[in-house]
Amino acid sequence: MPLQGSANVERLCQLTQVSRAGFYRYLRNGWPAEEDVNLQSAIQDVVLEHRWRYGYRRVTAQLRQCGMVVNHKRVARIMREDNLLTVRREPASAASHEGVGGVQIYLNLPRRMGLTDPNQLWIADITYIRLRTEFVYLAVILDAFSRIVVGWALGRTLQAKLPLHALKNAIASRQRPPGVVHHSDQGVQYVCRDYMQALHEHQMVPSMSRPANPYDNATCESFLRTLKREEINANTYRDFAQLEQGVREFIEQYYNRLRLHSALSYQSPEEFEKRATQRRSEATRSGPMVTFLGT
């Protein structure tokens, strides 16, 4: 450990009024925890950059090319704990919607849709947030018509229960609208059996982006960048509870209700929905309509 000037450990402990035992205990416990968080952050960046295509060996190679000294077993352990390992899929035939290995292939619907009302297209995504000694994960669902956040969930795991919680909140806030298209990427949380079953139980139509084509999730990714820039990166959080409260206030009290959105003619998402509903009251009573453009 590099020390300031020529003072030894004993003198530094005297100046800072800490015991030598406490100092060495920090070296044993504090630094490894911070080092793990730094490594997790680097792994997350590589996985997201390559859109979940890299397994632990390629992630390890990428980290080593960036100058990090890391063991592939450690990378594999962290990726397994964070549910970042890739899902292997067998190629599907061009005429089929189901892969050879039984993995369902879903149409990419947003580009074919002309939105006229809320509850026609929901877009889901997940991001990670770094605290001092841990990572937490945020799952969100936006209504693509108004950019309003209809459901969100914050948790310490990337398992499917996190986006399922966000989906449950979205359905509760929208009174279970049948027929809504639910769009996401092909992350393991969204293609798993439990999530697909929840969509079918609520009569929702699954849609997924094709690999190497992230642009259909641009609306959701834009919101997540706004959240991080205006709330997460602008504050320091003591713990998970304080972060959760900050995210709740930003989404429910500020973003949905008050923040003017340039894509909505500088209206807030709630105000945009309210005015659109008033203009289309007759169409709303007969049920929302979805227009498909081309094939």
C-alpha atoms as a PDB file:
ATOM      1  CA  MET A   1       0.000   0.000   0.000  1.00  0.00           C
ATOM      2  CA  PRO A   2       1.480   3.415  -0.973  1.00  0.00           C
ATOM      3  CA  LEU A   3       1.790   5.759   2.024  1.00  0.00           C
ATOM      4  CA  GLN A   4       1.806   9.539   2.091  1.00  0.00           C
ATOM      5  CA  GLY A   5       5.357  10.862   2.720  1.00  0.00           C
ATOM      6  CA  SER A   6       7.605   8.834   5.021  1.00  0.00           C
ATOM      7  CA  ALA A   7       5.094   8.156   7.801  1.00  0.00           C
ATOM      8  CA  ASN A   8       4.765   4.495   8.749  1.00  0.00           C
ATOM      9  CA  VAL A   9       1.532   2.645   9.493  1.00  0.00           C
ATOM     10  CA  GLU A  10       1.830   3.129  13.249  1.00  0.00           C
ATOM     11  CA  ARG A  11       2.208   6.911  12.883  1.00  0.00           C
ATOM     12  CA  LEU A  12      -0.675   7.140  10.422  1.00  0.00           C
ATOM     13  CA  CYS A  13      -2.930   5.213  12.793  1.00  0.00           C
ATOM     14  CA  GLN A  14      -2.015   7.586  15.602  1.00  0.00           C
ATOM     15  CA  LEU A  15      -2.797  10.635  13.469  1.00  0.00           C
ATOM     16  CA  THR A  16      -6.164   9.266  12.348  1.00  0.00           C
ATOM     17  CA  GLN A  17      -6.992   7.812  15.791  1.00  0.00           C
ATOM     18  CA  VAL A  18      -7.628   4.283  14.591  1.00  0.00           C
ATOM     19  CA  SER A  19      -6.128   1.060  15.833  1.00  0.00           C
ATOM     20  CA  ARG A  20      -3.617  -0.890  13.793  1.00  0.00           C
ATOM     21  CA  ALA A  21      -5.899  -3.923  14.034  1.00  0.00           C
ATOM     22  CA  GLY A  22      -8.759  -1.890  12.585  1.00  0.00           C
ATOM     23  CA  PHE A  23      -6.532  -0.601   9.788  1.00  0.00           C
ATOM     24  CA  TYR A  24      -5.443  -4.084   8.748  1.00  0.00           C
ATOM     25  CA  ARG A  25      -9.011  -5.354   9.059  1.00  0.00           C
ATOM     26  CA  TYR A  26     -10.031  -2.680   6.529  1.00  0.00           C
ATOM     27  CA  LEU A  27      -7.286  -3.828   4.176  1.00  0.00           C
ATOM     28  CA  ARG A  28      -8.564  -7.399   4.402  1.00  0.00           C
ATOM     29  CA  ASN A  29     -12.276  -6.598   4.053  1.00  0.00           C
ATOM     30  CA  GLY A  30     -12.706  -3.140   2.532  1.00  0.00           C
ATOM     31  CA  TRP A  31     -10.400  -3.255  -0.443  1.00  0.00           C
ATOM     32  CA  PRO A  32     -11.479  -6.657  -1.785  1.00  0.00           C
ATOM     33  CA  ALA A  33     -15.125  -5.526  -1.658  1.00  0.00           C
ATOM     34  CA  GLU A  34     -14.325  -2.361  -3.607  1.00  0.00           C
ATOM     35  CA  GLU A  35     -12.197  -4.365  -6.030  1.00  0.00           C
ATOM     36  CA  ASP A  36     -15.117  -6.756  -6.663  1.00  0.00           C
ATOM     37  CA  VAL A  37     -17.412  -3.813  -7.363  1.00  0.00           C
ATOM     38  CA  ASN A  38     -14.897  -2.366  -9.832  1.00  0.00           C
ATOM     39  CA  LEU A  39     -14.601  -5.722 -11.583  1.00  0.00           C
ATOM     40  CA  GLN A  40     -18.396  -6.104 -11.669  1.00  0.00           C
ATOM     41  CA  SER A  41     -18.648  -2.682 -13.262  1.00  0.00           C
ATOM     42  CA  ALA A  42     -16.113  -3.591 -15.957  1.00  0.00           C
ATOM     43  CA  ILE A  43     -17.880  -6.898 -16.663  1.00  0.00           C
ATOM     44  CA  GLN A  44     -21.251  -5.148 -16.920  1.00  0.00           C
ATOM     45  CA  ASP A  45     -19.810  -2.663 -19.413  1.00  0.00           C
ATOM     46  CA  VAL A  46     -18.414  -5.438 -21.633  1.00  0.00           C
ATOM     47  CA  VAL A  47     -21.620  -7.492 -21.518  1.00  0.00           C
ATOM     48  CA  LEU A  48     -23.818  -4.499 -22.376  1.00  0.00           C
ATOM     49  CA  GLU A  49     -21.461  -3.296 -25.098  1.00  0.00           C
ATOM     50  CA  HIS A  50     -21.702  -6.662 -26.839  1.00  0.00           C
ATOM     51  CA  ARG A  51     -25.448  -7.064 -26.191  1.00  0.00           C
ATOM     52  CA  TRP A  52     -25.219 -10.230 -24.052  1.00  0.00           C
ATOM     53  CA  ARG A  53     -23.339 -12.187 -26.757  1.00  0.00           C
ATOM     54  CA  TYR A  54     -20.079 -12.701 -24.859  1.00  0.00           C
ATOM     55  CA  GLY A  55     -19.524 -15.624 -22.530  1.00  0.00           C
ATOM     56  CA  TYR A  56     -17.094 -15.474 -19.633  1.00  0.00           C
ATOM     57  CA  ARG A  57     -14.050 -16.417 -21.737  1.00  0.00           C
ATOM     58  CA  ARG A  58     -14.506 -13.544 -24.204  1.00  0.00           C
ATOM     59  CA  VAL A  59     -15.331 -11.145 -21.371  1.00  0.00           C
ATOM     60  CA  THR A  60     -12.101 -12.209 -19.645  1.00  0.00           C
ATOM     61  CA  ALA A  61     -10.124 -11.678 -22.842  1.00  0.00           C
ATOM     62  CA  GLN A  62     -11.667  -8.233 -23.305  1.00  0.00           C
ATOM     63  CA  LEU A  63     -10.803  -7.231 -19.733  1.00  0.00           C
ATOM     64  CA  ARG A  64      -7.221  -8.421 -20.156  1.00  0.00           C
ATOM     65  CA  GLN A  65      -6.904  -6.385 -23.353  1.00  0.00           C
ATOM     66  CA  CYS A  66      -7.939  -3.368 -21.259  1.00  0.00           C
ATOM     67  CA  GLY A  67      -5.058  -4.061 -18.876  1.00  0.00           C
ATOM     68  CA  MET A  68      -6.934  -5.799 -16.054  1.00  0.00           C
ATOM     69  CA  VAL A  69      -5.371  -8.821 -14.356  1.00  0.00           C
ATOM     70  CA  VAL A  70      -8.285 -11.195 -13.843  1.00  0.00           C
ATOM     71  CA  ASN A  71      -8.917 -14.933 -13.685  1.00  0.00           C
ATOM     72  CA  HIS A  72     -11.559 -16.440 -15.987  1.00  0.00           C
ATOM     73  CA  LYS A  73     -13.031 -18.459 -13.104  1.00  0.00           C
ATOM     74  CA  ARG A  74     -13.624 -15.283 -11.135  1.00  0.00           C
ATOM     75  CA  VAL A  75     -15.270 -13.646 -14.155  1.00  0.00           C
ATOM     76  CA  ALA A  76     -17.487 -16.706 -14.634  1.00  0.00           C
ATOM     77  CA  ARG A  77     -18.526 -16.636 -10.967  1.00  0.00           C
ATOM     78  CA  ILE A  78     -19.484 -12.964 -11.082  1.00  0.00           C
ATOM     79  CA  MET A  79     -21.364 -13.383 -14.360  1.00  0.00           C
ATOM     80  CA  ARG A  80     -23.211 -16.395 -12.946  1.00  0.00           C
ATOM     81  CA  GLU A  81     -24.166 -14.543  -9.771  1.00  0.00           C
ATOM     82  CA  ASP A  82     -25.368 -11.524 -11.796  1.00  0.00           C
ATOM     83  CA  ASN A  83     -27.160 -13.705 -14.357  1.00  0.00           C
ATOM     84  CA  LEU A  84     -25.027 -12.340 -17.184  1.00  0.00           C
ATOM     85  CA  LEU A  85     -24.124 -15.603 -18.870  1.00  0.00           C
ATOM     86  CA  THR A  86     -25.355 -15.864 -22.440  1.00  0.00           C
ATOM     87  CA  VAL A  87     -28.185 -18.157 -23.496  1.00  0.00           C
ATOM     88  CA  ARG A  88     -27.259 -20.532 -26.304  1.00  0.00           C
ATOM     89  CA  ARG A  89     -29.925 -20.791 -29.007  1.00  0.00           C
ATOM     90  CA  GLU A  90     -30.037 -23.135 -31.969  1.00  0.00           C
ATOM     91  CA  PRO A  91     -30.741 -21.398 -35.292  1.00  0.00           C
ATOM     92  CA  ALA A  92     -34.361 -21.470 -36.406  1.00  0.00           C
ATOM     93  CA  SER A  93     -35.539 -22.153 -39.935  1.00  0.00           C
ATOM     94  CA  ALA A  94     -36.737 -19.140 -41.898  1.00  0.00           C
ATOM     95  CA  ALA A  95     -40.300 -20.449 -42.129  1.00  0.00           C
ATOM     96  CA  SER A  96     -40.669 -21.335 -38.472  1.00  0.00           C
ATOM     97  CA  HIS A  97     -41.284 -19.282 -35.348  1.00  0.00           C
ATOM     98  CA  GLU A  98     -39.738 -21.885 -33.064  1.00  0.00           C
ATOM     99  CA  GLY A  99     -36.090 -22.795 -32.771  1.00  0.00           C
ATOM    100  CA  VAL A 100     -34.718 -26.316 -32.986  1.00  0.00           C
ATOM    101  CA  GLY A 101     -34.034 -26.329 -29.252  1.00  0.00           C
ATOM    102  CA  GLY A 102     -37.604 -25.333 -28.419  1.00  0.00           C
ATOM    103  CA  VAL A 103     -36.756 -21.623 -27.969  1.00  0.00           C
ATOM    104  CA  GLN A 104     -39.662 -19.553 -29.234  1.00  0.00           C
ATOM    105  CA  ILE A 105     -38.819 -16.842 -31.758  1.00  0.00           C
ATOM    106  CA  TYR A 106     -41.081 -13.786 -31.465  1.00  0.00           C
ATOM    107  CA  LEU A 107     -41.827 -11.192 -34.107  1.00  0.00           C
ATOM    108  CA  ASN A 108     -40.351  -7.705 -33.866  1.00  0.00           C
ATOM    109  CA  LEU A 109     -43.590  -5.683 -33.913  1.00  0.00           C
ATOM    110  CA  PRO A 110     -42.898  -2.013 -32.973  1.00  0.00           C
ATOM    111  CA  ARG A 111     -41.760  -0.949 -36.450  1.00  0.00           C
ATOM    112  CA  ARG A 112     -45.044  -2.212 -37.894  1.00  0.00           C
ATOM    113  CA  MET A 113     -47.217  -0.301 -35.465  1.00  0.00           C
ATOM    114  CA  GLY A 114     -48.747   3.152 -35.768  1.00  0.00           C
ATOM    115  CA  LEU A 115     -49.622   4.158 -32.212  1.00  0.00           C
ATOM    116  CA  THR A 116     -52.800   6.147 -31.630  1.00  0.00           C
ATOM    117  CA  ASP A 117     -53.519   5.548 -27.930  1.00  0.00           C
ATOM    118  CA  PRO A 118     -51.983   4.327 -24.668  1.00  0.00           C
ATOM    119  CA  ASN A 119     -51.758   0.613 -23.881  1.00  0.00           C
ATOM    120  CA  GLN A 120     -50.902  -0.471 -27.395  1.00  0.00           C
ATOM    121  CA  LEU A 121     -47.149  -0.939 -26.990  1.00  0.00           C
ATOM    122  CA  TRP A 122     -45.118  -1.343 -23.809  1.00  0.00           C
ATOM    123  CA  ILE A 123     -41.321  -1.417 -23.931  1.00  0.00           C
ATOM    124  CA  ALA A 124     -39.274  -3.106 -21.191  1.00  0.00           C
ATOM    125  CA  ASP A 125     -35.613  -2.911 -20.296  1.00  0.00           C
ATOM    126  CA  ILE A 126     -33.175  -3.458 -17.407  1.00  0.00           C
ATOM    127  CA  THR A 127     -30.183  -1.429 -16.289  1.00  0.00           C
ATOM    128  CA  TYR A 128     -27.730  -1.607 -13.421  1.00  0.00           C
ATOM    129  CA  ILE A 129     -26.923   1.030 -10.817  1.00  0.00           C
ATOM    130  CA  ARG A 130     -23.685   1.044  -8.889  1.00  0.00           C
ATOM    131  CA  LEU A 131     -23.659   1.742  -5.181  1.00  0.00           C
ATOM    132  CA  ARG A 132     -20.429   1.944  -3.214  1.00  0.00           C
ATOM    133  CA  THR A 133     -20.181  -1.744  -2.324  1.00  0.00           C
ATOM    134  CA  GLU A 134     -22.805  -3.432  -4.499  1.00  0.00           C
ATOM    135  CA  PHE A 135     -24.736  -3.370  -7.732  1.00  0.00           C
ATOM    136  CA  VAL A 136     -28.503  -3.115  -7.876  1.00  0.00           C
ATOM    137  CA  TYR A 137     -30.742  -3.490 -10.896  1.00  0.00           C
ATOM    138  CA  LEU A 138     -33.699  -1.515 -12.200  1.00  0.00           C
ATOM    139  CA  ALA A 139     -36.374  -2.988 -14.459  1.00  0.00           C
ATOM    140  CA  VAL A 140     -38.743  -0.549 -16.148  1.00  0.00           C
ATOM    141  CA  ILE A 141     -41.710  -0.696 -18.519  1.00  0.00           C
ATOM    142  CA  LEU A 142     -42.708   2.349 -20.575  1.00  0.00           C
ATOM    143  CA  ASP A 143     -45.816   2.991 -22.620  1.00  0.00           C
ATOM    144  CA  ALA A 144     -44.326   3.876 -26.005  1.00  0.00           C
ATOM    145  CA  PHE A 145     -47.217   6.197 -26.892  1.00  0.00           C
ATOM    146  CA  SER A 146     -46.653   8.675 -24.069  1.00  0.00           C
ATOM    147  CA  ARG A 147     -43.238   7.624 -22.675  1.00  0.00           C
ATOM    148  CA  ILE A 148     -44.873   7.247 -19.270  1.00  0.00           C
ATOM    149  CA  VAL A 149     -43.342   4.707 -16.887  1.00  0.00           C
ATOM    150  CA  VAL A 150     -46.154   2.250 -16.176  1.00  0.00           C
ATOM    151  CA  GLY A 151     -44.123  -0.140 -14.013  1.00  0.00           C
ATOM    152  CA  TRP A 152     -40.724  -0.431 -12.386  1.00  0.00           C
ATOM    153  CA  ALA A 153     -38.883  -2.514  -9.819  1.00  0.00           C
ATOM    154  CA  LEU A 154     -35.522  -2.194  -8.084  1.00  0.00           C
ATOM    155  CA  GLY A 155     -33.666  -5.210  -6.720  1.00  0.00           C
ATOM    156  CA  ARG A 156     -30.347  -6.840  -5.959  1.00  0.00           C
ATOM    157  CA  THR A 157     -30.722  -9.667  -8.468  1.00  0.00           C
ATOM    158  CA  LEU A 158     -31.024  -9.965 -12.243  1.00  0.00           C
ATOM    159  CA  GLN A 159     -33.224 -13.023 -11.991  1.00  0.00           C
ATOM    160  CA  ALA A 160     -36.620 -13.048 -13.723  1.00  0.00           C
ATOM    161  CA  LYS A 161     -38.448 -12.077 -10.534  1.00  0.00           C
ATOM    162  CA  LEU A 162     -37.180  -8.490 -10.964  1.00  0.00           C
ATOM    163  CA  PRO A 163     -38.813  -7.746 -14.375  1.00  0.00           C
ATOM    164  CA  LEU A 164     -41.803  -9.846 -13.283  1.00  0.00           C
ATOM    165  CA  HIS A 165     -42.279  -7.448 -10.372  1.00  0.00           C
ATOM    166  CA  ALA A 166     -42.121  -4.497 -12.774  1.00  0.00           C
ATOM    167  CA  LEU A 167     -44.652  -6.220 -15.046  1.00  0.00           C
ATOM    168  CA  LYS A 168     -46.986  -6.857 -12.106  1.00  0.00           C
ATOM    169  CA  ASN A 169     -46.825  -3.178 -11.152  1.00  0.00           C
ATOM    170  CA  ALA A 170     -47.491  -2.114 -14.746  1.00  0.00           C
ATOM    171  CA  ILE A 171     -50.536  -4.363 -15.050  1.00  0.00           C
ATOM    172  CA  ALA A 172     -51.891  -3.080 -11.736  1.00  0.00           C
ATOM    173  CA  SER A 173     -51.434   0.568 -12.740  1.00  0.00           C
ATOM    174  CA  ARG A 174     -53.106   0.042 -16.124  1.00  0.00           C
ATOM    175  CA  GLN A 175     -55.930  -2.231 -14.942  1.00  0.00           C
ATOM    176  CA  ARG A 176     -54.730  -5.253 -16.925  1.00  0.00           C
ATOM    177  CA  PRO A 177     -55.195  -4.055 -20.527  1.00  0.00           C
ATOM    178  CA  PRO A 178     -55.585  -7.071 -22.863  1.00  0.00           C
ATOM    179  CA  GLY A 179     -53.892  -7.152 -26.252  1.00  0.00           C
ATOM    180  CA  VAL A 180     -51.012  -4.801 -25.465  1.00  0.00           C
ATOM    181  CA  VAL A 181     -47.769  -5.611 -27.289  1.00  0.00           C
ATOM    182  CA  HIS A 182     -44.890  -6.126 -24.854  1.00  0.00           C
ATOM    183  CA  HIS A 183     -41.522  -5.449 -26.479  1.00  0.00           C
ATOM    184  CA  SER A 184     -38.087  -6.218 -25.041  1.00  0.00           C
ATOM    185  CA  ASP A 185     -34.667  -7.426 -26.049  1.00  0.00           C
ATOM    186  CA  GLN A 186     -33.793 -11.128 -25.941  1.00  0.00           C
ATOM    187  CA  GLY A 187     -32.341 -11.042 -22.437  1.00  0.00           C
ATOM    188  CA  VAL A 188     -32.640 -14.246 -20.461  1.00  0.00           C
ATOM    189  CA  GLN A 189     -35.060 -12.604 -18.029  1.00  0.00           C
ATOM    190  CA  TYR A 190     -37.578 -11.908 -20.797  1.00  0.00           C
ATOM    191  CA  VAL A 191     -37.347 -15.192 -22.717  1.00  0.00           C
ATOM    192  CA  CYS A 192     -37.677 -17.400 -19.648  1.00  0.00           C
ATOM    193  CA  ARG A 193     -40.765 -19.538 -19.122  1.00  0.00           C
ATOM    194  CA  ASP A 194     -42.090 -17.622 -16.103  1.00  0.00           C
ATOM    195  CA  TYR A 195     -42.078 -14.272 -17.893  1.00  0.00           C
ATOM    196  CA  MET A 196     -43.634 -15.651 -21.071  1.00  0.00           C
ATOM    197  CA  GLN A 197     -46.314 -17.364 -19.018  1.00  0.00           C
ATOM    198  CA  ALA A 198     -47.160 -14.085 -17.266  1.00  0.00           C
ATOM    199  CA  LEU A 199     -47.562 -12.328 -20.620  1.00  0.00           C
ATOM    200  CA  HIS A 200     -49.877 -15.020 -21.953  1.00  0.00           C
ATOM    201  CA  GLU A 201     -51.943 -15.118 -18.768  1.00  0.00           C
ATOM    202  CA  HIS A 202     -52.651 -11.399 -19.167  1.00  0.00           C
ATOM    203  CA  GLN A 203     -53.354 -11.671 -22.908  1.00  0.00           C
ATOM    204  CA  MET A 204     -50.299  -9.667 -23.886  1.00  0.00           C
ATOM    205  CA  VAL A 205     -48.465 -10.127 -27.186  1.00  0.00           C
ATOM    206  CA  PRO A 206     -44.690 -10.704 -26.827  1.00  0.00           C
ATOM    207  CA  SER A 207     -42.340  -8.938 -29.228  1.00  0.00           C
ATOM    208  CA  MET A 208     -38.535  -8.994 -29.215  1.00  0.00           C
ATOM    209  CA  SER A 209     -35.711  -7.150 -30.925  1.00  0.00           C
ATOM    210  CA  ARG A 210     -33.491  -9.102 -33.245  1.00  0.00           C
ATOM    211  CA  PRO A 211     -29.845  -9.546 -32.249  1.00  0.00           C
ATOM    212  CA  ALA A 212     -27.585  -6.569 -33.081  1.00  0.00           C
ATOM    213  CA  ASN A 213     -30.667  -4.356 -33.467  1.00  0.00           C
ATOM    214  CA  PRO A 214     -31.103  -2.342 -30.249  1.00  0.00           C
ATOM    215  CA  TYR A 215     -32.924   0.586 -31.832  1.00  0.00           C
ATOM    216  CA  ASP A 216     -36.436  -0.685 -31.102  1.00  0.00           C
ATOM    217  CA  ASN A 217     -35.668  -0.221 -27.389  1.00  0.00           C
ATOM    218  CA  ALA A 218     -34.423   3.319 -27.918  1.00  0.00           C
ATOM    219  CA  THR A 219     -37.394   4.885 -26.102  1.00  0.00           C
ATOM    220  CA  CYS A 220     -36.722   2.900 -22.942  1.00  0.00           C
ATOM    221  CA  GLU A 221     -32.961   3.360 -23.156  1.00  0.00           C
ATOM    222  CA  SER A 222     -33.466   7.125 -23.542  1.00  0.00           C
ATOM    223  CA  PHE A 223     -35.477   7.190 -20.319  1.00  0.00           C
ATOM    224  CA  LEU A 224     -32.802   5.218 -18.469  1.00  0.00           C
ATOM    225  CA  ARG A 225     -30.127   7.675 -19.612  1.00  0.00           C
ATOM    226  CA  THR A 226     -32.300  10.544 -18.381  1.00  0.00           C
ATOM    227  CA  LEU A 227     -32.811   8.828 -15.036  1.00  0.00           C
ATOM    228  CA  LYS A 228     -29.088   8.275 -14.543  1.00  0.00           C
ATOM    229  CA  ARG A 229     -28.095  11.750 -15.682  1.00  0.00           C
ATOM    230  CA  GLU A 230     -30.711  13.734 -13.747  1.00  0.00           C
ATOM    231  CA  GLU A 231     -31.143  11.574 -10.638  1.00  0.00           C
ATOM    232  CA  ILE A 232     -28.631   8.765 -10.118  1.00  0.00           C
ATOM    233  CA  ASN A 233     -25.416  10.546 -11.079  1.00  0.00           C
ATOM    234  CA  ALA A 234     -26.528  13.793  -9.447  1.00  0.00           C
ATOM    235  CA  ASN A 235     -26.871  12.253  -5.984  1.00  0.00           C
ATOM    236  CA  THR A 236     -24.980  10.108  -3.498  1.00  0.00           C
ATOM    237  CA  TYR A 237     -26.961   7.358  -1.816  1.00  0.00           C
ATOM    238  CA  ARG A 238     -26.192   5.883   1.583  1.00  0.00           C
ATOM    239  CA  ASP A 239     -27.835   2.564   0.884  1.00  0.00           C
ATOM    240  CA  PHE A 240     -30.393   0.640  -1.155  1.00  0.00           C
ATOM    241  CA  ALA A 241     -33.385   2.119   0.694  1.00  0.00           C
ATOM    242  CA  GLN A 242     -32.338   5.692  -0.017  1.00  0.00           C
ATOM    243  CA  LEU A 243     -31.729   4.862  -3.678  1.00  0.00           C
ATOM    244  CA  GLU A 244     -35.165   3.254  -3.966  1.00  0.00           C
ATOM    245  CA  GLN A 245     -36.808   6.339  -2.474  1.00  0.00           C
ATOM    246  CA  GLY A 246     -34.931   8.611  -4.886  1.00  0.00           C
ATOM    247  CA  VAL A 247     -35.910   6.517  -7.905  1.00  0.00           C
ATOM    248  CA  ARG A 248     -39.551   6.403  -6.757  1.00  0.00           C
ATOM    249  CA  GLU A 249     -39.746  10.176  -6.353  1.00  0.00           C
ATOM    250  CA  PHE A 250     -38.066  10.805  -9.713  1.00  0.00           C
ATOM    251  CA  ILE A 251     -40.339   8.441 -11.670  1.00  0.00           C
ATOM    252  CA  GLU A 252     -43.683   8.847  -9.946  1.00  0.00           C
ATOM    253  CA  GLN A 253     -43.572  12.419  -8.696  1.00  0.00           C
ATOM    254  CA  TYR A 254     -41.380  14.158 -11.289  1.00  0.00           C
ATOM    255  CA  TYR A 255     -40.860  12.335 -14.593  1.00  0.00           C
ATOM    256  CA  ASN A 256     -44.385  11.033 -15.178  1.00  0.00           C
ATOM    257  CA  ARG A 257     -46.189  14.105 -13.852  1.00  0.00           C
ATOM    258  CA  LEU A 258     -44.022  17.155 -14.381  1.00  0.00           C
ATOM    259  CA  ARG A 259     -41.036  16.713 -16.695  1.00  0.00           C
ATOM    260  CA  LEU A 260     -41.638  18.193 -20.150  1.00  0.00           C
ATOM    261  CA  HIS A 261     -40.704  15.816 -22.952  1.00  0.00           C
ATOM    262  CA  SER A 262     -39.466  17.165 -26.281  1.00  0.00           C
ATOM    263  CA  ALA A 263     -40.981  14.214 -28.183  1.00  0.00           C
ATOM    264  CA  LEU A 264     -44.395  15.018 -26.642  1.00  0.00           C
ATOM    265  CA  SER A 265     -44.543  18.652 -27.793  1.00  0.00           C
ATOM    266  CA  TYR A 266     -43.073  19.646 -24.428  1.00  0.00           C
ATOM    267  CA  GLN A 267     -45.787  18.086 -22.323  1.00  0.00           C
ATOM    268  CA  SER A 268     -45.350  15.699 -19.420  1.00  0.00           C
ATOM    269  CA  PRO A 269     -46.246  12.061 -20.119  1.00  0.00           C
ATOM    270  CA  GLU A 270     -49.370  12.240 -17.928  1.00  0.00           C
ATOM    271  CA  GLU A 271     -50.569  15.474 -19.551  1.00  0.00           C
ATOM    272  CA  PHE A 272     -49.906  14.062 -23.033  1.00  0.00           C
ATOM    273  CA  GLU A 273     -52.009  10.983 -22.272  1.00  0.00           C
ATOM    274  CA  LYS A 274     -54.787  13.068 -20.754  1.00  0.00           C
ATOM    275  CA  ARG A 275     -55.078  15.323 -23.793  1.00  0.00           C
ATOM    276  CA  ALA A 276     -54.820  12.436 -26.235  1.00  0.00           C
ATOM    277  CA  THR A 277     -57.571  10.581 -24.382  1.00  0.00           C
ATOM    278  CA  GLN A 278     -59.817  13.638 -24.495  1.00  0.00           C
ATOM    279  CA  ARG A 279     -59.286  14.026 -28.244  1.00  0.00           C
ATOM    280  CA  ARG A 280     -60.069  10.378 -28.880  1.00  0.00           C
ATOM    281  CA  SER A 281     -62.788   9.733 -26.326  1.00  0.00           C
ATOM    282  CA  GLU A 282     -65.039   7.952 -28.802  1.00  0.00           C
ATOM    283  CA  ALA A 283     -62.230   5.734 -30.046  1.00  0.00           C
ATOM    284  CA  THR A 284     -61.232   4.975 -26.463  1.00  0.00           C
ATOM    285  CA  ARG A 285     -64.734   3.791 -25.579  1.00  0.00           C
ATOM    286  CA  SER A 286     -64.682   1.320 -28.444  1.00  0.00           C
ATOM    287  CA  GLY A 287     -61.185   0.092 -27.496  1.00  0.00           C
ATOM    288  CA  PRO A 288     -57.735   1.026 -28.723  1.00  0.00           C
ATOM    289  CA  MET A 289     -56.851   0.265 -32.324  1.00  0.00           C
ATOM    290  CA  VAL A 290     -53.469  -0.814 -33.631  1.00  0.00           C
ATOM    291  CA  THR A 291     -52.415  -0.074 -37.184  1.00  0.00           C
ATOM    292  CA  PHE A 292     -49.830  -2.386 -38.755  1.00  0.00           C
ATOM    293  CA  LEU A 293     -47.775  -0.826 -41.506  1.00  0.00           C
ATOM    294  CA  GLY A 294     -46.658  -3.301 -44.117  1.00  0.00           C
ATOM    295  CA  THR A 295     -45.388  -6.775 -43.322  1.00  0.00           C
END
